[in-house]
Amino acid sequence: MPSTSLPGEPGPRRLLALISATQLLAVLDGTAVTIALPRIQRDLELSSAGLAWVLSAYALAFGALLLPFGRAGDLLGRRRVLVAGAAMCTAASLAGALAPSGAWLIAARVAQGAGAAVAMPAALALVTTGFAAGPARTRAFTLLVLVSGLGGVLGMVLGGALTAYGWRWTLLLTVPLGLATVALVPTRLPGEDPAPATRPRGPAPSHTL
């Protein structure tokens, strides 16, 4: 079935591409440093407990903040929140790459997880509101699942390759993707979703793939 969109609304493929990029950004942030952990421990003189925090700080922050930030998109606008989360992830990745100590790196990993917790609910909400219930929405969510799986594999492979040049490159890996997301979402997905109290009556526009 051909895609449909209202004037000023993003096309379904454009919408899905940018949401997939956000999904990939979050997954790569979580996995790319895994292979680099021994070099991180040596260079920053981390204890075994400190090294475990480098790996788990991201997941803990993401899991703890996902529900509190889940409503932010409804209140502030999903595109705006998506950009804010991607910007947080990107800034935290850069800060982690510049980390002079283990504590700094762990704090950056917490910030990465927080950024993902901001961005991902908004991204998933955009899929829900942007695609009609049924096959179109199912295909969109299926693609996001595939992107997550691919991101996990790419994180391990690219992280291992970049570790040969220094563990800091595993954190810089996602900076270009994050910058592209921050730049493209406001220009390619124009407009903001109003809060529920101000949303006009009538069905929201939906897309089919």
C-alpha atoms as a PDB file:
ATOM      1  CA  MET A   1       0.000   0.000   0.000  1.00  0.00           C
ATOM      2  CA  PRO A   2       1.459   3.402  -0.869  1.00  0.00           C
ATOM      3  CA  SER A   3       2.587   5.714   1.910  1.00  0.00           C
ATOM      4  CA  THR A   4       0.368   8.587   2.883  1.00  0.00           C
ATOM      5  CA  SER A   5       1.179  11.759   4.781  1.00  0.00           C
ATOM      6  CA  LEU A   6      -0.366  15.108   5.390  1.00  0.00           C
ATOM      7  CA  PRO A   7       1.339  18.340   4.319  1.00  0.00           C
ATOM      8  CA  GLY A   8       4.054  19.210   6.797  1.00  0.00           C
ATOM      9  CA  GLU A   9       4.177  15.658   8.155  1.00  0.00           C
ATOM     10  CA  PRO A  10       7.246  13.422   7.615  1.00  0.00           C
ATOM     11  CA  GLY A  11       6.997  10.544   5.162  1.00  0.00           C
ATOM     12  CA  PRO A  12       6.976   7.078   6.746  1.00  0.00           C
ATOM     13  CA  ARG A  13      10.353   6.002   5.393  1.00  0.00           C
ATOM     14  CA  ARG A  14      12.021   9.203   6.542  1.00  0.00           C
ATOM     15  CA  LEU A  15      10.427   8.894   9.954  1.00  0.00           C
ATOM     16  CA  LEU A  16      11.454   5.275  10.322  1.00  0.00           C
ATOM     17  CA  ALA A  17      15.007   5.928   9.123  1.00  0.00           C
ATOM     18  CA  LEU A  18      15.587   8.610  11.760  1.00  0.00           C
ATOM     19  CA  ILE A  19      14.004   6.551  14.521  1.00  0.00           C
ATOM     20  CA  SER A  20      16.152   3.569  13.490  1.00  0.00           C
ATOM     21  CA  ALA A  21      19.242   5.790  13.688  1.00  0.00           C
ATOM     22  CA  THR A  22      18.287   6.732  17.250  1.00  0.00           C
ATOM     23  CA  GLN A  23      17.797   3.076  18.124  1.00  0.00           C
ATOM     24  CA  LEU A  24      21.181   2.198  16.644  1.00  0.00           C
ATOM     25  CA  LEU A  25      22.813   5.062  18.560  1.00  0.00           C
ATOM     26  CA  ALA A  26      21.463   3.753  21.875  1.00  0.00           C
ATOM     27  CA  VAL A  27      22.492   0.144  21.215  1.00  0.00           C
ATOM     28  CA  LEU A  28      26.010   1.029  20.042  1.00  0.00           C
ATOM     29  CA  ASP A  29      26.532   3.222  23.105  1.00  0.00           C
ATOM     30  CA  GLY A  30      25.649   0.283  25.303  1.00  0.00           C
ATOM     31  CA  THR A  31      27.827  -2.363  23.629  1.00  0.00           C
ATOM     32  CA  ALA A  32      30.805  -0.815  21.819  1.00  0.00           C
ATOM     33  CA  VAL A  33      33.028  -0.494  24.912  1.00  0.00           C
ATOM     34  CA  THR A  34      32.685  -4.162  25.895  1.00  0.00           C
ATOM     35  CA  ILE A  35      35.739  -5.431  24.019  1.00  0.00           C
ATOM     36  CA  ALA A  36      37.789  -2.430  25.185  1.00  0.00           C
ATOM     37  CA  LEU A  37      37.318  -3.092  28.920  1.00  0.00           C
ATOM     38  CA  PRO A  38      40.788  -4.636  29.542  1.00  0.00           C
ATOM     39  CA  ARG A  39      42.516  -1.625  27.965  1.00  0.00           C
ATOM     40  CA  ILE A  40      40.286   0.768  29.863  1.00  0.00           C
ATOM     41  CA  GLN A  41      41.182  -0.963  33.116  1.00  0.00           C
ATOM     42  CA  ARG A  42      44.874  -0.733  32.370  1.00  0.00           C
ATOM     43  CA  ASP A  43      44.916   2.861  31.128  1.00  0.00           C
ATOM     44  CA  LEU A  44      42.698   4.301  33.873  1.00  0.00           C
ATOM     45  CA  GLU A  45      43.980   1.961  36.606  1.00  0.00           C
ATOM     46  CA  LEU A  46      40.515   0.741  37.499  1.00  0.00           C
ATOM     47  CA  SER A  47      39.726  -1.947  40.039  1.00  0.00           C
ATOM     48  CA  SER A  48      37.597  -4.894  39.038  1.00  0.00           C
ATOM     49  CA  ALA A  49      34.612  -3.243  40.715  1.00  0.00           C
ATOM     50  CA  GLY A  50      35.260   0.014  38.873  1.00  0.00           C
ATOM     51  CA  LEU A  51      35.516  -1.812  35.569  1.00  0.00           C
ATOM     52  CA  ALA A  52      32.193  -3.521  36.222  1.00  0.00           C
ATOM     53  CA  TRP A  53      30.641  -0.074  36.736  1.00  0.00           C
ATOM     54  CA  VAL A  54      31.921   1.071  33.343  1.00  0.00           C
ATOM     55  CA  LEU A  55      29.892  -1.722  31.762  1.00  0.00           C
ATOM     56  CA  SER A  56      26.805  -1.611  33.987  1.00  0.00           C
ATOM     57  CA  ALA A  57      26.412   2.154  34.570  1.00  0.00           C
ATOM     58  CA  TYR A  58      24.792   2.591  31.165  1.00  0.00           C
ATOM     59  CA  ALA A  59      22.269  -0.204  31.653  1.00  0.00           C
ATOM     60  CA  LEU A  60      21.406   0.838  35.204  1.00  0.00           C
ATOM     61  CA  ALA A  61      20.817   4.480  34.239  1.00  0.00           C
ATOM     62  CA  PHE A  62      18.764   3.468  31.218  1.00  0.00           C
ATOM     63  CA  GLY A  63      16.606   1.053  33.173  1.00  0.00           C
ATOM     64  CA  ALA A  64      16.090   3.374  36.145  1.00  0.00           C
ATOM     65  CA  LEU A  65      15.173   6.442  34.095  1.00  0.00           C
ATOM     66  CA  LEU A  66      13.170   4.893  31.261  1.00  0.00           C
ATOM     67  CA  LEU A  67       9.799   5.124  33.023  1.00  0.00           C
ATOM     68  CA  PRO A  68      10.306   8.611  34.539  1.00  0.00           C
ATOM     69  CA  PHE A  69      11.299   9.998  31.151  1.00  0.00           C
ATOM     70  CA  GLY A  70       8.624   8.036  29.280  1.00  0.00           C
ATOM     71  CA  ARG A  71       6.057  10.828  29.631  1.00  0.00           C
ATOM     72  CA  ALA A  72       8.411  13.626  28.622  1.00  0.00           C
ATOM     73  CA  GLY A  73       7.562  13.298  24.941  1.00  0.00           C
ATOM     74  CA  ASP A  74       3.836  13.637  25.627  1.00  0.00           C
ATOM     75  CA  LEU A  75       4.390  16.773  27.683  1.00  0.00           C
ATOM     76  CA  LEU A  76       7.155  18.508  25.735  1.00  0.00           C
ATOM     77  CA  GLY A  77       6.861  17.165  22.172  1.00  0.00           C
ATOM     78  CA  ARG A  78       8.241  13.874  20.967  1.00  0.00           C
ATOM     79  CA  ARG A  79      10.582  15.271  18.322  1.00  0.00           C
ATOM     80  CA  ARG A  80      12.005  17.799  20.762  1.00  0.00           C
ATOM     81  CA  VAL A  81      12.610  15.114  23.389  1.00  0.00           C
ATOM     82  CA  LEU A  82      14.119  12.769  20.799  1.00  0.00           C
ATOM     83  CA  VAL A  83      16.640  15.452  19.826  1.00  0.00           C
ATOM     84  CA  ALA A  84      17.427  16.195  23.487  1.00  0.00           C
ATOM     85  CA  GLY A  85      18.091  12.530  24.211  1.00  0.00           C
ATOM     86  CA  ALA A  86      20.298  12.089  21.152  1.00  0.00           C
ATOM     87  CA  ALA A  87      22.226  15.224  22.100  1.00  0.00           C
ATOM     88  CA  MET A  88      22.741  13.873  25.633  1.00  0.00           C
ATOM     89  CA  CYS A  89      24.043  10.573  24.261  1.00  0.00           C
ATOM     90  CA  THR A  90      26.405  12.363  21.878  1.00  0.00           C
ATOM     91  CA  ALA A  91      27.775  14.768  24.491  1.00  0.00           C
ATOM     92  CA  ALA A  92      28.226  11.933  26.978  1.00  0.00           C
ATOM     93  CA  SER A  93      30.064   9.809  24.407  1.00  0.00           C
ATOM     94  CA  LEU A  94      32.445  12.668  23.700  1.00  0.00           C
ATOM     95  CA  ALA A  95      32.947  13.286  27.421  1.00  0.00           C
ATOM     96  CA  GLY A  96      33.672   9.601  27.966  1.00  0.00           C
ATOM     97  CA  ALA A  97      36.219   9.568  25.158  1.00  0.00           C
ATOM     98  CA  LEU A  98      38.050  12.418  26.906  1.00  0.00           C
ATOM     99  CA  ALA A  99      37.840  10.836  30.364  1.00  0.00           C
ATOM    100  CA  PRO A 100      41.031  11.313  32.421  1.00  0.00           C
ATOM    101  CA  SER A 101      39.868   8.957  35.188  1.00  0.00           C
ATOM    102  CA  GLY A 102      37.613   6.033  35.874  1.00  0.00           C
ATOM    103  CA  ALA A 103      35.117   8.125  37.830  1.00  0.00           C
ATOM    104  CA  TRP A 104      34.781  10.509  34.874  1.00  0.00           C
ATOM    105  CA  LEU A 105      34.187   7.623  32.490  1.00  0.00           C
ATOM    106  CA  ILE A 106      31.580   6.037  34.750  1.00  0.00           C
ATOM    107  CA  ALA A 107      29.761   9.375  35.036  1.00  0.00           C
ATOM    108  CA  ALA A 108      29.797   9.668  31.241  1.00  0.00           C
ATOM    109  CA  ARG A 109      28.357   6.172  30.940  1.00  0.00           C
ATOM    110  CA  VAL A 110      25.542   7.137  33.326  1.00  0.00           C
ATOM    111  CA  ALA A 111      24.853  10.180  31.139  1.00  0.00           C
ATOM    112  CA  GLN A 112      24.804   7.973  28.029  1.00  0.00           C
ATOM    113  CA  GLY A 113      22.205   5.720  29.617  1.00  0.00           C
ATOM    114  CA  ALA A 114      20.155   8.726  30.718  1.00  0.00           C
ATOM    115  CA  GLY A 115      20.216  10.124  27.182  1.00  0.00           C
ATOM    116  CA  ALA A 116      19.004   6.818  25.780  1.00  0.00           C
ATOM    117  CA  ALA A 117      16.219   6.748  28.388  1.00  0.00           C
ATOM    118  CA  VAL A 118      15.133  10.191  27.190  1.00  0.00           C
ATOM    119  CA  ALA A 119      15.259   9.402  23.481  1.00  0.00           C
ATOM    120  CA  MET A 120      13.890   5.891  23.182  1.00  0.00           C
ATOM    121  CA  PRO A 121      10.343   6.366  24.582  1.00  0.00           C
ATOM    122  CA  ALA A 122       9.905   9.368  22.280  1.00  0.00           C
ATOM    123  CA  ALA A 123      11.158   7.348  19.316  1.00  0.00           C
ATOM    124  CA  LEU A 124       8.798   4.453  20.035  1.00  0.00           C
ATOM    125  CA  ALA A 125       5.893   6.868  20.538  1.00  0.00           C
ATOM    126  CA  LEU A 126       6.616   8.378  17.119  1.00  0.00           C
ATOM    127  CA  VAL A 127       6.288   4.914  15.597  1.00  0.00           C
ATOM    128  CA  THR A 128       2.991   4.356  17.403  1.00  0.00           C
ATOM    129  CA  THR A 129       1.518   7.673  16.288  1.00  0.00           C
ATOM    130  CA  GLY A 130       3.173   7.723  12.867  1.00  0.00           C
ATOM    131  CA  PHE A 131       2.052   4.339  11.565  1.00  0.00           C
ATOM    132  CA  ALA A 132      -1.455   2.955  11.330  1.00  0.00           C
ATOM    133  CA  ALA A 133      -2.298   0.076  13.646  1.00  0.00           C
ATOM    134  CA  GLY A 134      -1.899  -3.221  11.840  1.00  0.00           C
ATOM    135  CA  PRO A 135       0.708  -4.437   9.332  1.00  0.00           C
ATOM    136  CA  ALA A 136       2.374  -1.039   8.831  1.00  0.00           C
ATOM    137  CA  ARG A 137       3.072  -0.548  12.529  1.00  0.00           C
ATOM    138  CA  THR A 138       4.083  -4.189  12.938  1.00  0.00           C
ATOM    139  CA  ARG A 139       6.636  -3.844  10.127  1.00  0.00           C
ATOM    140  CA  ALA A 140       7.998  -0.655  11.679  1.00  0.00           C
ATOM    141  CA  PHE A 141       8.505  -2.279  15.083  1.00  0.00           C
ATOM    142  CA  THR A 142       9.976  -5.384  13.469  1.00  0.00           C
ATOM    143  CA  LEU A 143      12.553  -3.231  11.729  1.00  0.00           C
ATOM    144  CA  LEU A 144      13.480  -1.598  15.031  1.00  0.00           C
ATOM    145  CA  VAL A 145      13.992  -5.027  16.596  1.00  0.00           C
ATOM    146  CA  LEU A 146      16.275  -5.967  13.686  1.00  0.00           C
ATOM    147  CA  VAL A 147      18.190  -2.703  14.086  1.00  0.00           C
ATOM    148  CA  SER A 148      18.689  -3.478  17.791  1.00  0.00           C
ATOM    149  CA  GLY A 149      20.069  -6.907  16.985  1.00  0.00           C
ATOM    150  CA  LEU A 150      22.305  -5.531  14.260  1.00  0.00           C
ATOM    151  CA  GLY A 151      23.489  -2.787  16.600  1.00  0.00           C
ATOM    152  CA  GLY A 152      24.516  -5.322  19.207  1.00  0.00           C
ATOM    153  CA  VAL A 153      26.607  -7.227  16.662  1.00  0.00           C
ATOM    154  CA  LEU A 154      28.086  -4.056  15.158  1.00  0.00           C
ATOM    155  CA  GLY A 155      28.928  -2.753  18.613  1.00  0.00           C
ATOM    156  CA  MET A 156      31.021  -5.814  19.356  1.00  0.00           C
ATOM    157  CA  VAL A 157      32.669  -5.969  15.921  1.00  0.00           C
ATOM    158  CA  LEU A 158      33.413  -2.266  15.522  1.00  0.00           C
ATOM    159  CA  GLY A 159      34.340  -1.918  19.175  1.00  0.00           C
ATOM    160  CA  GLY A 160      36.879  -4.722  18.809  1.00  0.00           C
ATOM    161  CA  ALA A 161      38.317  -3.192  15.637  1.00  0.00           C
ATOM    162  CA  LEU A 162      38.570   0.299  17.121  1.00  0.00           C
ATOM    163  CA  THR A 163      40.152  -0.931  20.331  1.00  0.00           C
ATOM    164  CA  ALA A 164      43.290  -1.638  18.313  1.00  0.00           C
ATOM    165  CA  TYR A 165      43.626   2.139  17.873  1.00  0.00           C
ATOM    166  CA  GLY A 166      42.682   2.957  21.471  1.00  0.00           C
ATOM    167  CA  TRP A 167      39.643   2.391  23.659  1.00  0.00           C
ATOM    168  CA  ARG A 168      38.568   6.034  23.366  1.00  0.00           C
ATOM    169  CA  TRP A 169      37.562   5.426  19.754  1.00  0.00           C
ATOM    170  CA  THR A 170      34.868   3.001  20.926  1.00  0.00           C
ATOM    171  CA  LEU A 171      33.141   5.972  22.568  1.00  0.00           C
ATOM    172  CA  LEU A 172      33.723   8.300  19.636  1.00  0.00           C
ATOM    173  CA  LEU A 173      32.100   5.726  17.331  1.00  0.00           C
ATOM    174  CA  THR A 174      28.587   7.063  17.908  1.00  0.00           C
ATOM    175  CA  VAL A 175      29.405  10.784  17.892  1.00  0.00           C
ATOM    176  CA  PRO A 176      28.921  11.245  14.096  1.00  0.00           C
ATOM    177  CA  LEU A 177      25.649   9.296  14.197  1.00  0.00           C
ATOM    178  CA  GLY A 178      24.436  11.345  17.145  1.00  0.00           C
ATOM    179  CA  LEU A 179      25.354  14.637  15.509  1.00  0.00           C
ATOM    180  CA  ALA A 180      23.551  13.600  12.320  1.00  0.00           C
ATOM    181  CA  THR A 181      20.442  12.675  14.304  1.00  0.00           C
ATOM    182  CA  VAL A 182      20.455  15.966  16.207  1.00  0.00           C
ATOM    183  CA  ALA A 183      20.859  17.901  12.946  1.00  0.00           C
ATOM    184  CA  LEU A 184      18.361  15.976  10.822  1.00  0.00           C
ATOM    185  CA  VAL A 185      15.422  15.358  13.152  1.00  0.00           C
ATOM    186  CA  PRO A 186      14.423  19.065  13.470  1.00  0.00           C
ATOM    187  CA  THR A 187      14.853  19.715   9.743  1.00  0.00           C
ATOM    188  CA  ARG A 188      13.543  16.435   8.311  1.00  0.00           C
ATOM    189  CA  LEU A 189      10.784  15.900  10.859  1.00  0.00           C
ATOM    190  CA  PRO A 190       9.393  19.418  11.220  1.00  0.00           C
ATOM    191  CA  GLY A 191       6.845  20.375  13.824  1.00  0.00           C
ATOM    192  CA  GLU A 192       6.127  19.310  17.375  1.00  0.00           C
ATOM    193  CA  ASP A 193       3.488  17.060  18.872  1.00  0.00           C
ATOM    194  CA  PRO A 194       1.400  19.069  21.328  1.00  0.00           C
ATOM    195  CA  ALA A 195       0.733  17.882  24.848  1.00  0.00           C
ATOM    196  CA  PRO A 196      -2.474  15.853  25.215  1.00  0.00           C
ATOM    197  CA  ALA A 197      -4.351  18.764  26.796  1.00  0.00           C
ATOM    198  CA  THR A 198      -3.815  20.935  23.710  1.00  0.00           C
ATOM    199  CA  ARG A 199      -4.053  18.273  21.003  1.00  0.00           C
ATOM    200  CA  PRO A 200      -6.862  19.107  18.566  1.00  0.00           C
ATOM    201  CA  ARG A 201      -9.699  16.642  18.303  1.00  0.00           C
ATOM    202  CA  GLY A 202      -9.775  14.194  15.459  1.00  0.00           C
ATOM    203  CA  PRO A 203      -7.586  11.269  14.413  1.00  0.00           C
ATOM    204  CA  ALA A 204      -3.838  11.798  14.320  1.00  0.00           C
ATOM    205  CA  PRO A 205      -2.212  11.324  10.915  1.00  0.00           C
ATOM    206  CA  SER A 206      -0.791   7.876  10.399  1.00  0.00           C
ATOM    207  CA  HIS A 207       1.385   6.349   7.744  1.00  0.00           C
ATOM    208  CA  THR A 208       1.470   3.045   6.003  1.00  0.00           C
ATOM    209  CA  LEU A 209       4.624   1.548   4.630  1.00  0.00           C
END
